[in-house]
Amino acid sequence: MSQLPRLSGRELVKALGKVGFLPKRQHGSHIILRRVDPWCQTVIPDHKELDRGTLRAILRQTEVSVERLNQLLRESL
């Protein structure tokens, strides 16, 4: 199992954008992302660094594995 990366909210939004999530709106410091097919919606806090538990919960909601997230982050470099 890969380790969770340390990410900001904006970095996570950018990575999830590569798998079909689009920003729907922003309410304060929370960015709401939505994917149409299969339908899924999640909220990303716009913080400098996301807590590990928060990141794990978001990955669970979006059905993105830690390995897939690391792959998406490597592609952006």
PDB file of N, CA and C in Angstrom:
ATOM      1  N   MET A   1       0.839  -1.176   0.000  1.00  0.00           N
ATOM      2  CA  MET A   1       0.000   0.000   0.000  1.00  0.00           C
ATOM      3  C   MET A   1       0.885   1.240   0.000  1.00  0.00           C
ATOM      4  N   SER A   2       0.570   2.192  -0.873  1.00  0.00           N
ATOM      5  CA  SER A   2       1.341   3.422  -0.971  1.00  0.00           C
ATOM      6  C   SER A   2       0.990   4.379   0.150  1.00  0.00           C
ATOM      7  N   GLN A   3       1.922   5.247   0.431  1.00  0.00           N
ATOM      8  CA  GLN A   3       1.672   6.248   1.459  1.00  0.00           C
ATOM      9  C   GLN A   3       0.853   7.392   0.889  1.00  0.00           C
ATOM     10  N   LEU A   4       0.055   7.989   1.764  1.00  0.00           N
ATOM     11  CA  LEU A   4      -0.716   9.158   1.371  1.00  0.00           C
ATOM     12  C   LEU A   4       0.222  10.349   1.180  1.00  0.00           C
ATOM     13  N   PRO A   5       0.073  11.060   0.085  1.00  0.00           N
ATOM     14  CA  PRO A   5       0.900  12.252  -0.104  1.00  0.00           C
ATOM     15  C   PRO A   5       0.371  13.410   0.723  1.00  0.00           C
ATOM     16  N   ARG A   6       1.225  14.372   1.003  1.00  0.00           N
ATOM     17  CA  ARG A   6       0.812  15.609   1.666  1.00  0.00           C
ATOM     18  C   ARG A   6       0.385  16.572   0.573  1.00  0.00           C
ATOM     19  N   LEU A   7      -0.892  16.954   0.563  1.00  0.00           N
ATOM     20  CA  LEU A   7      -1.445  17.789  -0.498  1.00  0.00           C
ATOM     21  C   LEU A   7      -2.188  18.978   0.056  1.00  0.00           C
ATOM     22  N   SER A   8      -2.243  20.029  -0.750  1.00  0.00           N
ATOM     23  CA  SER A   8      -3.136  21.139  -0.445  1.00  0.00           C
ATOM     24  C   SER A   8      -4.483  20.829  -1.107  1.00  0.00           C
ATOM     25  N   GLY A   9      -5.484  21.576  -0.757  1.00  0.00           N
ATOM     26  CA  GLY A   9      -6.793  21.394  -1.370  1.00  0.00           C
ATOM     27  C   GLY A   9      -6.758  21.648  -2.859  1.00  0.00           C
ATOM     28  N   ARG A  10      -6.040  22.677  -3.279  1.00  0.00           N
ATOM     29  CA  ARG A  10      -5.942  23.030  -4.703  1.00  0.00           C
ATOM     30  C   ARG A  10      -5.233  21.933  -5.507  1.00  0.00           C
ATOM     31  N   GLU A  11      -4.204  21.324  -4.925  1.00  0.00           N
ATOM     32  CA  GLU A  11      -3.498  20.242  -5.615  1.00  0.00           C
ATOM     33  C   GLU A  11      -4.422  19.040  -5.814  1.00  0.00           C
ATOM     34  N   LEU A  12      -5.246  18.758  -4.818  1.00  0.00           N
ATOM     35  CA  LEU A  12      -6.188  17.647  -4.926  1.00  0.00           C
ATOM     36  C   LEU A  12      -7.255  17.936  -5.974  1.00  0.00           C
ATOM     37  N   VAL A  13      -7.735  19.171  -6.034  1.00  0.00           N
ATOM     38  CA  VAL A  13      -8.720  19.555  -7.049  1.00  0.00           C
ATOM     39  C   VAL A  13      -8.137  19.338  -8.444  1.00  0.00           C
ATOM     40  N   LYS A  14      -6.887  19.732  -8.629  1.00  0.00           N
ATOM     41  CA  LYS A  14      -6.224  19.581  -9.926  1.00  0.00           C
ATOM     42  C   LYS A  14      -6.088  18.098 -10.292  1.00  0.00           C
ATOM     43  N   ALA A  15      -5.702  17.256  -9.338  1.00  0.00           N
ATOM     44  CA  ALA A  15      -5.540  15.823  -9.589  1.00  0.00           C
ATOM     45  C   ALA A  15      -6.883  15.171  -9.905  1.00  0.00           C
ATOM     46  N   LEU A  16      -7.922  15.500  -9.149  1.00  0.00           N
ATOM     47  CA  LEU A  16      -9.237  14.905  -9.389  1.00  0.00           C
ATOM     48  C   LEU A  16      -9.842  15.394 -10.702  1.00  0.00           C
ATOM     49  N   GLY A  17      -9.421  16.561 -11.151  1.00  0.00           N
ATOM     50  CA  GLY A  17      -9.873  17.059 -12.449  1.00  0.00           C
ATOM     51  C   GLY A  17      -9.465  16.137 -13.589  1.00  0.00           C
ATOM     52  N   LYS A  18      -8.367  15.425 -13.415  1.00  0.00           N
ATOM     53  CA  LYS A  18      -7.877  14.504 -14.444  1.00  0.00           C
ATOM     54  C   LYS A  18      -8.727  13.247 -14.559  1.00  0.00           C
ATOM     55  N   VAL A  19      -9.539  12.960 -13.555  1.00  0.00           N
ATOM     56  CA  VAL A  19     -10.422  11.788 -13.616  1.00  0.00           C
ATOM     57  C   VAL A  19     -11.886  12.193 -13.761  1.00  0.00           C
ATOM     58  N   GLY A  20     -12.123  13.407 -14.248  1.00  0.00           N
ATOM     59  CA  GLY A  20     -13.482  13.812 -14.599  1.00  0.00           C
ATOM     60  C   GLY A  20     -14.222  14.687 -13.615  1.00  0.00           C
ATOM     61  N   PHE A  21     -13.600  15.108 -12.529  1.00  0.00           N
ATOM     62  CA  PHE A  21     -14.274  15.981 -11.565  1.00  0.00           C
ATOM     63  C   PHE A  21     -14.103  17.437 -11.977  1.00  0.00           C
ATOM     64  N   LEU A  22     -15.204  18.165 -11.961  1.00  0.00           N
ATOM     65  CA  LEU A  22     -15.182  19.586 -12.312  1.00  0.00           C
ATOM     66  C   LEU A  22     -15.662  20.413 -11.133  1.00  0.00           C
ATOM     67  N   PRO A  23     -15.047  21.580 -10.913  1.00  0.00           N
ATOM     68  CA  PRO A  23     -15.533  22.457  -9.837  1.00  0.00           C
ATOM     69  C   PRO A  23     -16.944  22.945 -10.157  1.00  0.00           C
ATOM     70  N   LYS A  24     -17.864  22.716  -9.255  1.00  0.00           N
ATOM     71  CA  LYS A  24     -19.254  23.143  -9.447  1.00  0.00           C
ATOM     72  C   LYS A  24     -19.458  24.533  -8.857  1.00  0.00           C
ATOM     73  N   ARG A  25     -18.945  24.712  -7.633  1.00  0.00           N
ATOM     74  CA  ARG A  25     -19.057  26.010  -6.969  1.00  0.00           C
ATOM     75  C   ARG A  25     -18.103  26.026  -5.785  1.00  0.00           C
ATOM     76  N   GLN A  26     -17.974  27.190  -5.177  1.00  0.00           N
ATOM     77  CA  GLN A  26     -17.160  27.313  -3.972  1.00  0.00           C
ATOM     78  C   GLN A  26     -17.976  28.059  -2.939  1.00  0.00           C
ATOM     79  N   HIS A  27     -17.971  27.527  -1.728  1.00  0.00           N
ATOM     80  CA  HIS A  27     -18.690  28.157  -0.629  1.00  0.00           C
ATOM     81  C   HIS A  27     -17.681  28.401   0.483  1.00  0.00           C
ATOM     82  N   GLY A  28     -17.241  29.636   0.621  1.00  0.00           N
ATOM     83  CA  GLY A  28     -16.210  29.948   1.607  1.00  0.00           C
ATOM     84  C   GLY A  28     -14.910  29.269   1.231  1.00  0.00           C
ATOM     85  N   SER A  29     -14.365  28.479   2.144  1.00  0.00           N
ATOM     86  CA  SER A  29     -13.105  27.799   1.885  1.00  0.00           C
ATOM     87  C   SER A  29     -13.315  26.349   1.449  1.00  0.00           C
ATOM     88  N   HIS A  30     -14.480  26.017   0.923  1.00  0.00           N
ATOM     89  CA  HIS A  30     -14.768  24.653   0.480  1.00  0.00           C
ATOM     90  C   HIS A  30     -15.144  24.658  -0.999  1.00  0.00           C
ATOM     91  N   ILE A  31     -14.462  23.803  -1.758  1.00  0.00           N
ATOM     92  CA  ILE A  31     -14.693  23.685  -3.193  1.00  0.00           C
ATOM     93  C   ILE A  31     -15.516  22.422  -3.425  1.00  0.00           C
ATOM     94  N   ILE A  32     -16.645  22.564  -4.113  1.00  0.00           N
ATOM     95  CA  ILE A  32     -17.526  21.439  -4.386  1.00  0.00           C
ATOM     96  C   ILE A  32     -17.218  20.947  -5.798  1.00  0.00           C
ATOM     97  N   LEU A  33     -16.827  19.670  -5.893  1.00  0.00           N
ATOM     98  CA  LEU A  33     -16.516  19.055  -7.180  1.00  0.00           C
ATOM     99  C   LEU A  33     -17.604  18.063  -7.531  1.00  0.00           C
ATOM    100  N   ARG A  34     -17.863  17.935  -8.836  1.00  0.00           N
ATOM    101  CA  ARG A  34     -18.885  16.999  -9.288  1.00  0.00           C
ATOM    102  C   ARG A  34     -18.394  16.261 -10.524  1.00  0.00           C
ATOM    103  N   ARG A  35     -18.716  14.960 -10.579  1.00  0.00           N
ATOM    104  CA  ARG A  35     -18.450  14.131 -11.751  1.00  0.00           C
ATOM    105  C   ARG A  35     -19.800  13.636 -12.241  1.00  0.00           C
ATOM    106  N   VAL A  36     -20.006  13.636 -13.559  1.00  0.00           N
ATOM    107  CA  VAL A  36     -21.303  13.266 -14.108  1.00  0.00           C
ATOM    108  C   VAL A  36     -21.460  11.752 -14.238  1.00  0.00           C
ATOM    109  N   ASP A  37     -20.470  11.056 -14.804  1.00  0.00           N
ATOM    110  CA  ASP A  37     -20.634   9.632 -15.072  1.00  0.00           C
ATOM    111  C   ASP A  37     -19.463   8.837 -14.542  1.00  0.00           C
ATOM    112  N   PRO A  38     -19.625   7.986 -13.543  1.00  0.00           N
ATOM    113  CA  PRO A  38     -20.795   7.844 -12.685  1.00  0.00           C
ATOM    114  C   PRO A  38     -20.904   9.033 -11.735  1.00  0.00           C
ATOM    115  N   TRP A  39     -22.125   9.405 -11.424  1.00  0.00           N
ATOM    116  CA  TRP A  39     -22.376  10.607 -10.652  1.00  0.00           C
ATOM    117  C   TRP A  39     -21.729  10.522  -9.277  1.00  0.00           C
ATOM    118  N   CYS A  40     -21.027  11.595  -8.925  1.00  0.00           N
ATOM    119  CA  CYS A  40     -20.389  11.681  -7.614  1.00  0.00           C
ATOM    120  C   CYS A  40     -20.139  13.146  -7.310  1.00  0.00           C
ATOM    121  N   GLN A  41     -20.301  13.510  -6.068  1.00  0.00           N
ATOM    122  CA  GLN A  41     -20.028  14.876  -5.631  1.00  0.00           C
ATOM    123  C   GLN A  41     -19.240  14.816  -4.334  1.00  0.00           C
ATOM    124  N   THR A  42     -18.257  15.697  -4.210  1.00  0.00           N
ATOM    125  CA  THR A  42     -17.444  15.730  -2.999  1.00  0.00           C
ATOM    126  C   THR A  42     -17.054  17.163  -2.690  1.00  0.00           C
ATOM    127  N   VAL A  43     -16.691  17.390  -1.451  1.00  0.00           N
ATOM    128  CA  VAL A  43     -16.296  18.722  -0.984  1.00  0.00           C
ATOM    129  C   VAL A  43     -14.825  18.668  -0.590  1.00  0.00           C
ATOM    130  N   ILE A  44     -14.046  19.608  -1.129  1.00  0.00           N
ATOM    131  CA  ILE A  44     -12.617  19.685  -0.844  1.00  0.00           C
ATOM    132  C   ILE A  44     -12.351  20.972  -0.062  1.00  0.00           C
ATOM    133  N   PRO A  45     -11.793  20.878   1.150  1.00  0.00           N
ATOM    134  CA  PRO A  45     -11.421  22.094   1.872  1.00  0.00           C
ATOM    135  C   PRO A  45     -10.234  22.765   1.184  1.00  0.00           C
ATOM    136  N   ASP A  46     -10.294  24.061   1.016  1.00  0.00           N
ATOM    137  CA  ASP A  46      -9.218  24.812   0.371  1.00  0.00           C
ATOM    138  C   ASP A  46      -8.200  25.207   1.436  1.00  0.00           C
ATOM    139  N   HIS A  47      -7.479  24.202   1.957  1.00  0.00           N
ATOM    140  CA  HIS A  47      -6.484  24.416   3.001  1.00  0.00           C
ATOM    141  C   HIS A  47      -5.087  24.220   2.432  1.00  0.00           C
ATOM    142  N   LYS A  48      -4.089  24.743   3.147  1.00  0.00           N
ATOM    143  CA  LYS A  48      -2.698  24.591   2.699  1.00  0.00           C
ATOM    144  C   LYS A  48      -2.267  23.133   2.733  1.00  0.00           C
ATOM    145  N   GLU A  49      -2.737  22.384   3.726  1.00  0.00           N
ATOM    146  CA  GLU A  49      -2.432  20.958   3.818  1.00  0.00           C
ATOM    147  C   GLU A  49      -3.651  20.236   4.375  1.00  0.00           C
ATOM    148  N   LEU A  50      -4.084  19.196   3.666  1.00  0.00           N
ATOM    149  CA  LEU A  50      -5.243  18.426   4.100  1.00  0.00           C
ATOM    150  C   LEU A  50      -4.820  17.401   5.146  1.00  0.00           C
ATOM    151  N   ASP A  51      -5.655  17.187   6.144  1.00  0.00           N
ATOM    152  CA  ASP A  51      -5.416  16.139   7.132  1.00  0.00           C
ATOM    153  C   ASP A  51      -5.504  14.777   6.442  1.00  0.00           C
ATOM    154  N   ARG A  52      -4.784  13.807   6.984  1.00  0.00           N
ATOM    155  CA  ARG A  52      -4.781  12.468   6.388  1.00  0.00           C
ATOM    156  C   ARG A  52      -6.169  11.846   6.366  1.00  0.00           C
ATOM    157  N   GLY A  53      -6.898  11.990   7.460  1.00  0.00           N
ATOM    158  CA  GLY A  53      -8.247  11.422   7.531  1.00  0.00           C
ATOM    159  C   GLY A  53      -9.192  12.056   6.533  1.00  0.00           C
ATOM    160  N   THR A  54      -9.073  13.360   6.350  1.00  0.00           N
ATOM    161  CA  THR A  54      -9.903  14.075   5.377  1.00  0.00           C
ATOM    162  C   THR A  54      -9.582  13.597   3.973  1.00  0.00           C
ATOM    163  N   LEU A  55      -8.295  13.474   3.657  1.00  0.00           N
ATOM    164  CA  LEU A  55      -7.885  13.010   2.334  1.00  0.00           C
ATOM    165  C   LEU A  55      -8.373  11.591   2.085  1.00  0.00           C
ATOM    166  N   ARG A  56      -8.251  10.708   3.077  1.00  0.00           N
ATOM    167  CA  ARG A  56      -8.733   9.332   2.922  1.00  0.00           C
ATOM    168  C   ARG A  56     -10.244   9.288   2.675  1.00  0.00           C
ATOM    169  N   ALA A  57     -10.996  10.114   3.398  1.00  0.00           N
ATOM    170  CA  ALA A  57     -12.453  10.146   3.230  1.00  0.00           C
ATOM    171  C   ALA A  57     -12.820  10.625   1.821  1.00  0.00           C
ATOM    172  N   ILE A  58     -12.120  11.622   1.316  1.00  0.00           N
ATOM    173  CA  ILE A  58     -12.387  12.136  -0.030  1.00  0.00           C
ATOM    174  C   ILE A  58     -12.070  11.059  -1.066  1.00  0.00           C
ATOM    175  N   LEU A  59     -10.947  10.365  -0.893  1.00  0.00           N
ATOM    176  CA  LEU A  59     -10.586   9.303  -1.834  1.00  0.00           C
ATOM    177  C   LEU A  59     -11.615   8.177  -1.805  1.00  0.00           C
ATOM    178  N   ARG A  60     -12.119   7.857  -0.629  1.00  0.00           N
ATOM    179  CA  ARG A  60     -13.152   6.821  -0.507  1.00  0.00           C
ATOM    180  C   ARG A  60     -14.426   7.249  -1.230  1.00  0.00           C
ATOM    181  N   GLN A  61     -14.833   8.508  -1.052  1.00  0.00           N
ATOM    182  CA  GLN A  61     -16.040   9.021  -1.702  1.00  0.00           C
ATOM    183  C   GLN A  61     -15.914   9.011  -3.222  1.00  0.00           C
ATOM    184  N   THR A  62     -14.743   9.361  -3.711  1.00  0.00           N
ATOM    185  CA  THR A  62     -14.535   9.476  -5.154  1.00  0.00           C
ATOM    186  C   THR A  62     -14.100   8.174  -5.802  1.00  0.00           C
ATOM    187  N   GLU A  63     -13.880   7.131  -4.986  1.00  0.00           N
ATOM    188  CA  GLU A  63     -13.448   5.816  -5.461  1.00  0.00           C
ATOM    189  C   GLU A  63     -12.129   5.892  -6.225  1.00  0.00           C
ATOM    190  N   VAL A  64     -11.205   6.711  -5.702  1.00  0.00           N
ATOM    191  CA  VAL A  64      -9.856   6.829  -6.248  1.00  0.00           C
ATOM    192  C   VAL A  64      -8.914   6.218  -5.217  1.00  0.00           C
ATOM    193  N   SER A  65      -8.083   5.284  -5.649  1.00  0.00           N
ATOM    194  CA  SER A  65      -7.146   4.641  -4.727  1.00  0.00           C
ATOM    195  C   SER A  65      -5.946   5.552  -4.482  1.00  0.00           C
ATOM    196  N   VAL A  66      -5.201   5.256  -3.439  1.00  0.00           N
ATOM    197  CA  VAL A  66      -3.995   6.023  -3.112  1.00  0.00           C
ATOM    198  C   VAL A  66      -2.983   5.874  -4.251  1.00  0.00           C
ATOM    199  N   GLU A  67      -2.873   4.667  -4.811  1.00  0.00           N
ATOM    200  CA  GLU A  67      -1.954   4.427  -5.915  1.00  0.00           C
ATOM    201  C   GLU A  67      -2.331   5.270  -7.131  1.00  0.00           C
ATOM    202  N   ARG A  68      -3.633   5.325  -7.437  1.00  0.00           N
ATOM    203  CA  ARG A  68      -4.118   6.122  -8.580  1.00  0.00           C
ATOM    204  C   ARG A  68      -3.853   7.609  -8.336  1.00  0.00           C
ATOM    205  N   LEU A  69      -4.060   8.080  -7.130  1.00  0.00           N
ATOM    206  CA  LEU A  69      -3.793   9.474  -6.804  1.00  0.00           C
ATOM    207  C   LEU A  69      -2.317   9.795  -7.002  1.00  0.00           C
ATOM    208  N   ASN A  70      -1.437   8.925  -6.513  1.00  0.00           N
ATOM    209  CA  ASN A  70       0.000   9.142  -6.699  1.00  0.00           C
ATOM    210  C   ASN A  70       0.366   9.167  -8.180  1.00  0.00           C
ATOM    211  N   GLN A  71      -0.279   8.320  -8.972  1.00  0.00           N
ATOM    212  CA  GLN A  71      -0.035   8.300 -10.412  1.00  0.00           C
ATOM    213  C   GLN A  71      -0.483   9.620 -11.050  1.00  0.00           C
ATOM    214  N   LEU A  72      -1.638  10.116 -10.661  1.00  0.00           N
ATOM    215  CA  LEU A  72      -2.137  11.389 -11.198  1.00  0.00           C
ATOM    216  C   LEU A  72      -1.208  12.540 -10.834  1.00  0.00           C
ATOM    217  N   LEU A  73      -0.665  12.517  -9.627  1.00  0.00           N
ATOM    218  CA  LEU A  73       0.244  13.569  -9.187  1.00  0.00           C
ATOM    219  C   LEU A  73       1.563  13.513  -9.957  1.00  0.00           C
ATOM    220  N   ARG A  74       2.049  12.304 -10.238  1.00  0.00           N
ATOM    221  CA  ARG A  74       3.286  12.169 -11.026  1.00  0.00           C
ATOM    222  C   ARG A  74       3.097  12.683 -12.441  1.00  0.00           C
ATOM    223  N   GLU A  75       1.908  12.475 -13.012  1.00  0.00           N
ATOM    224  CA  GLU A  75       1.629  12.926 -14.384  1.00  0.00           C
ATOM    225  C   GLU A  75       1.651  14.440 -14.492  1.00  0.00           C
ATOM    226  N   SER A  76       1.317  15.137 -13.414  1.00  0.00           N
ATOM    227  CA  SER A  76       1.258  16.598 -13.459  1.00  0.00           C
ATOM    228  C   SER A  76       2.631  17.250 -13.362  1.00  0.00           C
ATOM    229  N   LEU A  77       3.661  16.483 -12.995  1.00  0.00           N
ATOM    230  CA  LEU A  77       5.016  17.055 -12.881  1.00  0.00           C
ATOM    231  C   LEU A  77       5.689  17.187 -14.226  1.00  0.00           C
TER     232      LEU A  77
END
